[in-house]
């Protein structure tokens, strides 16, 4: 049984639900491109607002996004650089998510 706080949280989440939202699977399918845009200095939020909105409300997806971003920022400081690491990381990410290896 939900307690009062959990019920209030659920009701707020339902009230904020919009027709044009994406779910976790779709967000995680796009997060590598979102990270690449951020690292390139592009406005990822403007280009992919649904991904940003999902990351704002979903702690699990935000955690995945932040982990990928942190890993690539660490690579940015290395001799190799994030762009070299990104291709391999992106392919690995897609395989882990069950998507294409391209």
N, C-alpha and C. Protein backbone atom coordinates (compact mmCIF):
# COMPACT_ATOMS: atom_id res chain seq x y z
N UNK A 1 0.83 -1.17 0.00
CA UNK A 1 0.00 0.00 0.00
C UNK A 1 0.88 1.24 0.00
N UNK A 2 0.53 2.21 -0.79
CA UNK A 2 1.28 3.47 -0.86
C UNK A 2 0.97 4.34 0.34
N UNK A 3 2.02 4.97 0.88
CA UNK A 3 1.75 5.93 1.94
C UNK A 3 1.36 7.27 1.31
N UNK A 4 0.99 8.22 2.11
CA UNK A 4 0.48 9.51 1.62
C UNK A 4 1.50 10.25 0.73
N UNK A 5 2.78 10.26 1.15
CA UNK A 5 3.82 10.94 0.37
C UNK A 5 4.02 10.27 -0.99
N UNK A 6 4.04 8.94 -1.01
CA UNK A 6 4.21 8.22 -2.28
C UNK A 6 3.02 8.47 -3.21
N UNK A 7 1.84 8.50 -2.64
CA UNK A 7 0.64 8.76 -3.43
C UNK A 7 0.67 10.18 -4.01
N UNK A 8 1.07 11.15 -3.21
CA UNK A 8 1.18 12.53 -3.69
C UNK A 8 2.21 12.65 -4.81
N UNK A 9 3.33 11.97 -4.64
CA UNK A 9 4.38 11.98 -5.67
C UNK A 9 3.86 11.37 -6.98
N UNK A 10 3.15 10.26 -6.86
CA UNK A 10 2.57 9.61 -8.03
C UNK A 10 1.55 10.52 -8.72
N UNK A 11 0.72 11.19 -7.95
CA UNK A 11 -0.29 12.09 -8.52
C UNK A 11 0.37 13.27 -9.23
N UNK A 12 1.44 13.81 -8.66
CA UNK A 12 2.16 14.91 -9.33
C UNK A 12 2.76 14.43 -10.65
N UNK A 13 3.35 13.23 -10.63
CA UNK A 13 3.94 12.67 -11.85
C UNK A 13 2.88 12.48 -12.93
N UNK A 14 1.72 12.00 -12.54
CA UNK A 14 0.63 11.82 -13.51
C UNK A 14 0.15 13.15 -14.06
N UNK A 15 0.09 14.15 -13.22
CA UNK A 15 -0.36 15.47 -13.65
C UNK A 15 0.63 16.10 -14.63
N UNK A 16 1.91 15.76 -14.50
CA UNK A 16 2.93 16.33 -15.37
C UNK A 16 3.11 15.54 -16.66
N UNK A 17 2.47 14.40 -16.79
CA UNK A 17 2.59 13.57 -17.99
C UNK A 17 2.03 14.30 -19.20
N UNK A 18 2.78 14.24 -20.29
CA UNK A 18 2.36 14.89 -21.53
C UNK A 18 2.26 13.86 -22.64
N UNK A 19 1.54 14.20 -23.65
CA UNK A 19 1.33 13.29 -24.77
C UNK A 19 2.61 13.03 -25.56
N UNK A 20 3.50 14.02 -25.61
CA UNK A 20 4.69 13.91 -26.45
C UNK A 20 5.95 13.53 -25.66
N UNK A 21 5.79 12.71 -24.63
CA UNK A 21 6.93 12.24 -23.85
C UNK A 21 7.55 11.00 -24.48
N UNK A 22 8.79 10.72 -24.08
CA UNK A 22 9.42 9.46 -24.48
C UNK A 22 9.66 8.65 -23.21
N UNK A 23 9.77 7.35 -23.37
CA UNK A 23 10.04 6.46 -22.25
C UNK A 23 11.53 6.20 -22.10
N UNK A 24 11.86 5.39 -21.13
CA UNK A 24 13.26 5.09 -20.84
C UNK A 24 13.98 4.45 -22.03
N UNK A 25 13.34 3.47 -22.67
CA UNK A 25 14.00 2.79 -23.79
C UNK A 25 14.36 3.77 -24.90
N UNK A 26 13.43 4.61 -25.28
CA UNK A 26 13.68 5.58 -26.35
C UNK A 26 14.73 6.60 -25.92
N UNK A 27 14.68 7.02 -24.68
CA UNK A 27 15.67 7.97 -24.18
C UNK A 27 17.07 7.37 -24.26
N UNK A 28 17.21 6.14 -23.77
CA UNK A 28 18.52 5.50 -23.75
C UNK A 28 19.02 5.16 -25.15
N UNK A 29 18.10 5.00 -26.11
CA UNK A 29 18.52 4.80 -27.50
C UNK A 29 19.15 6.07 -28.07
N UNK A 30 18.78 7.22 -27.53
CA UNK A 30 19.24 8.50 -28.06
C UNK A 30 20.31 9.17 -27.21
N UNK A 31 20.58 8.65 -26.03
CA UNK A 31 21.44 9.36 -25.08
C UNK A 31 22.88 9.50 -25.59
N UNK A 32 23.37 8.55 -26.37
CA UNK A 32 24.74 8.69 -26.87
C UNK A 32 24.86 9.89 -27.81
N UNK A 33 23.88 10.10 -28.66
CA UNK A 33 23.89 11.27 -29.54
C UNK A 33 23.74 12.55 -28.72
N UNK A 34 22.91 12.52 -27.71
CA UNK A 34 22.71 13.66 -26.83
C UNK A 34 24.03 14.05 -26.16
N UNK A 35 24.76 13.06 -25.66
CA UNK A 35 26.06 13.29 -25.02
C UNK A 35 27.05 13.84 -26.03
N UNK A 36 27.08 13.26 -27.23
CA UNK A 36 28.01 13.74 -28.25
C UNK A 36 27.75 15.21 -28.57
N UNK A 37 26.48 15.58 -28.69
CA UNK A 37 26.15 16.97 -28.97
C UNK A 37 26.63 17.88 -27.84
N UNK A 38 26.40 17.47 -26.59
CA UNK A 38 26.84 18.27 -25.44
C UNK A 38 28.35 18.45 -25.46
N UNK A 39 29.09 17.38 -25.71
CA UNK A 39 30.55 17.45 -25.72
C UNK A 39 31.07 18.29 -26.89
N UNK A 40 30.29 18.36 -27.96
CA UNK A 40 30.68 19.15 -29.13
C UNK A 40 30.33 20.62 -28.97
N UNK A 41 29.65 20.96 -27.87
CA UNK A 41 29.27 22.35 -27.65
C UNK A 41 27.97 22.74 -28.32
N UNK A 42 27.24 21.77 -28.83
CA UNK A 42 25.96 22.05 -29.46
C UNK A 42 24.86 22.08 -28.41
N UNK A 43 23.74 22.71 -28.73
CA UNK A 43 22.63 22.80 -27.80
C UNK A 43 21.77 21.54 -27.91
N UNK A 44 22.16 20.52 -27.17
CA UNK A 44 21.46 19.23 -27.21
C UNK A 44 20.02 19.38 -26.72
N UNK A 45 19.81 20.24 -25.75
CA UNK A 45 18.47 20.44 -25.21
C UNK A 45 17.52 20.99 -26.26
N UNK A 46 18.01 21.92 -27.06
CA UNK A 46 17.17 22.48 -28.13
C UNK A 46 16.93 21.46 -29.24
N UNK A 47 17.96 20.70 -29.56
CA UNK A 47 17.85 19.72 -30.64
C UNK A 47 17.03 18.50 -30.24
N UNK A 48 17.10 18.12 -28.98
CA UNK A 48 16.45 16.90 -28.50
C UNK A 48 15.70 17.19 -27.19
N UNK A 49 14.68 18.04 -27.25
CA UNK A 49 14.00 18.44 -26.01
C UNK A 49 13.34 17.30 -25.26
N UNK A 50 12.86 16.29 -25.96
CA UNK A 50 12.20 15.17 -25.28
C UNK A 50 13.19 14.35 -24.46
N UNK A 51 14.41 14.23 -24.96
CA UNK A 51 15.45 13.53 -24.20
C UNK A 51 15.76 14.32 -22.93
N UNK A 52 15.94 15.63 -23.07
CA UNK A 52 16.23 16.46 -21.90
C UNK A 52 15.09 16.39 -20.88
N UNK A 53 13.87 16.46 -21.36
CA UNK A 53 12.73 16.40 -20.44
C UNK A 53 12.69 15.06 -19.71
N UNK A 54 12.99 13.99 -20.42
CA UNK A 54 13.00 12.68 -19.78
C UNK A 54 14.11 12.61 -18.74
N UNK A 55 15.29 13.12 -19.08
CA UNK A 55 16.40 13.10 -18.13
C UNK A 55 16.09 13.93 -16.89
N UNK A 56 15.29 14.98 -17.07
CA UNK A 56 14.91 15.84 -15.94
C UNK A 56 14.00 15.11 -14.95
N UNK A 57 13.22 14.16 -15.43
CA UNK A 57 12.26 13.51 -14.54
C UNK A 57 12.62 12.07 -14.17
N UNK A 58 13.57 11.47 -14.87
CA UNK A 58 13.90 10.05 -14.63
C UNK A 58 15.32 9.93 -14.07
N UNK A 59 15.40 9.61 -12.81
CA UNK A 59 16.69 9.48 -12.15
C UNK A 59 17.56 8.38 -12.73
N UNK A 60 16.96 7.26 -13.12
CA UNK A 60 17.74 6.15 -13.67
C UNK A 60 18.39 6.53 -15.00
N UNK A 61 17.63 7.14 -15.88
CA UNK A 61 18.18 7.54 -17.18
C UNK A 61 19.20 8.67 -17.01
N UNK A 62 18.91 9.59 -16.09
CA UNK A 62 19.85 10.68 -15.83
C UNK A 62 21.17 10.12 -15.32
N UNK A 63 21.12 9.08 -14.50
CA UNK A 63 22.32 8.44 -13.99
C UNK A 63 23.13 7.82 -15.13
N UNK A 64 22.45 7.15 -16.06
CA UNK A 64 23.13 6.57 -17.23
C UNK A 64 23.78 7.67 -18.08
N UNK A 65 23.03 8.74 -18.31
CA UNK A 65 23.53 9.88 -19.08
C UNK A 65 24.78 10.47 -18.41
N UNK A 66 24.70 10.71 -17.12
CA UNK A 66 25.82 11.32 -16.40
C UNK A 66 27.05 10.41 -16.40
N UNK A 67 26.84 9.10 -16.31
CA UNK A 67 27.96 8.15 -16.33
C UNK A 67 28.66 8.17 -17.69
N UNK A 68 27.87 8.17 -18.76
CA UNK A 68 28.45 8.21 -20.10
C UNK A 68 29.16 9.54 -20.33
N UNK A 69 28.54 10.63 -19.92
CA UNK A 69 29.15 11.96 -20.07
C UNK A 69 30.46 12.03 -19.29
N UNK A 70 30.47 11.54 -18.06
CA UNK A 70 31.68 11.58 -17.24
C UNK A 70 32.80 10.73 -17.85
N UNK A 71 32.45 9.56 -18.36
CA UNK A 71 33.46 8.69 -18.97
C UNK A 71 34.09 9.36 -20.18
N UNK A 72 33.26 9.99 -20.99
CA UNK A 72 33.80 10.63 -22.19
C UNK A 72 34.55 11.92 -21.86
N UNK A 73 34.16 12.61 -20.81
CA UNK A 73 34.92 13.79 -20.38
C UNK A 73 36.28 13.37 -19.84
N UNK A 74 36.34 12.23 -19.19
CA UNK A 74 37.62 11.70 -18.71
C UNK A 74 38.51 11.37 -19.91
N UNK A 75 37.91 10.77 -20.92
CA UNK A 75 38.67 10.43 -22.13
C UNK A 75 39.15 11.70 -22.84
N UNK A 76 38.37 12.77 -22.71
CA UNK A 76 38.72 14.05 -23.34
C UNK A 76 40.07 14.53 -22.85
N UNK A 77 40.38 14.27 -21.58
CA UNK A 77 41.65 14.71 -21.01
C UNK A 77 42.80 13.76 -21.31
N UNK A 78 42.50 12.62 -21.89
CA UNK A 78 43.56 11.65 -22.18
C UNK A 78 44.21 11.95 -23.54
N UNK A 79 45.24 11.19 -23.86
CA UNK A 79 45.92 11.34 -25.15
C UNK A 79 44.99 11.03 -26.31
N UNK A 80 44.09 10.10 -26.10
CA UNK A 80 43.23 9.63 -27.18
C UNK A 80 42.14 10.65 -27.51
N UNK A 81 41.51 11.23 -26.50
CA UNK A 81 40.43 12.19 -26.72
C UNK A 81 39.09 11.51 -26.80
N UNK A 82 38.04 12.27 -26.48
CA UNK A 82 36.69 11.68 -26.40
C UNK A 82 36.15 11.27 -27.75
N UNK A 83 36.52 11.96 -28.82
CA UNK A 83 35.97 11.60 -30.14
C UNK A 83 36.42 10.20 -30.56
N UNK A 84 37.66 9.86 -30.27
CA UNK A 84 38.14 8.52 -30.60
C UNK A 84 37.45 7.46 -29.74
N UNK A 85 37.28 7.78 -28.48
CA UNK A 85 36.64 6.83 -27.56
C UNK A 85 35.15 6.73 -27.85
N UNK A 86 34.54 7.83 -28.31
CA UNK A 86 33.10 7.87 -28.48
C UNK A 86 32.59 6.80 -29.44
N UNK A 87 33.27 6.59 -30.57
CA UNK A 87 32.81 5.61 -31.54
C UNK A 87 32.71 4.22 -30.93
N UNK A 88 33.76 3.81 -30.22
CA UNK A 88 33.76 2.50 -29.59
C UNK A 88 32.73 2.45 -28.46
N UNK A 89 32.65 3.52 -27.69
CA UNK A 89 31.70 3.57 -26.58
C UNK A 89 30.27 3.52 -27.09
N UNK A 90 30.01 4.25 -28.17
CA UNK A 90 28.67 4.29 -28.75
C UNK A 90 28.26 2.90 -29.24
N UNK A 91 29.18 2.22 -29.91
CA UNK A 91 28.87 0.87 -30.40
C UNK A 91 28.61 -0.08 -29.23
N UNK A 92 29.45 0.00 -28.19
CA UNK A 92 29.27 -0.84 -27.01
C UNK A 92 27.94 -0.52 -26.34
N UNK A 93 27.63 0.76 -26.20
CA UNK A 93 26.37 1.19 -25.59
C UNK A 93 25.18 0.60 -26.33
N UNK A 94 25.20 0.65 -27.66
CA UNK A 94 24.10 0.12 -28.45
C UNK A 94 23.97 -1.39 -28.28
N UNK A 95 25.12 -2.10 -28.25
CA UNK A 95 25.07 -3.55 -28.05
C UNK A 95 24.50 -3.89 -26.68
N UNK A 96 24.91 -3.13 -25.67
CA UNK A 96 24.40 -3.36 -24.32
C UNK A 96 22.90 -3.11 -24.24
N UNK A 97 22.41 -2.16 -25.00
CA UNK A 97 21.00 -1.82 -25.01
C UNK A 97 20.20 -2.73 -25.95
N UNK A 98 20.92 -3.60 -26.70
CA UNK A 98 20.24 -4.54 -27.58
C UNK A 98 19.95 -3.97 -28.96
N UNK A 99 20.61 -2.87 -29.30
CA UNK A 99 20.38 -2.24 -30.60
C UNK A 99 21.41 -2.63 -31.61
N UNK A 100 21.47 -1.88 -32.67
CA UNK A 100 22.39 -2.10 -33.78
C UNK A 100 23.83 -1.84 -33.33
N UNK A 101 24.78 -2.50 -33.93
CA UNK A 101 26.20 -2.28 -33.60
C UNK A 101 26.81 -1.20 -34.47
N UNK A 102 26.02 -0.52 -35.27
CA UNK A 102 26.55 0.54 -36.14
C UNK A 102 26.78 1.80 -35.39
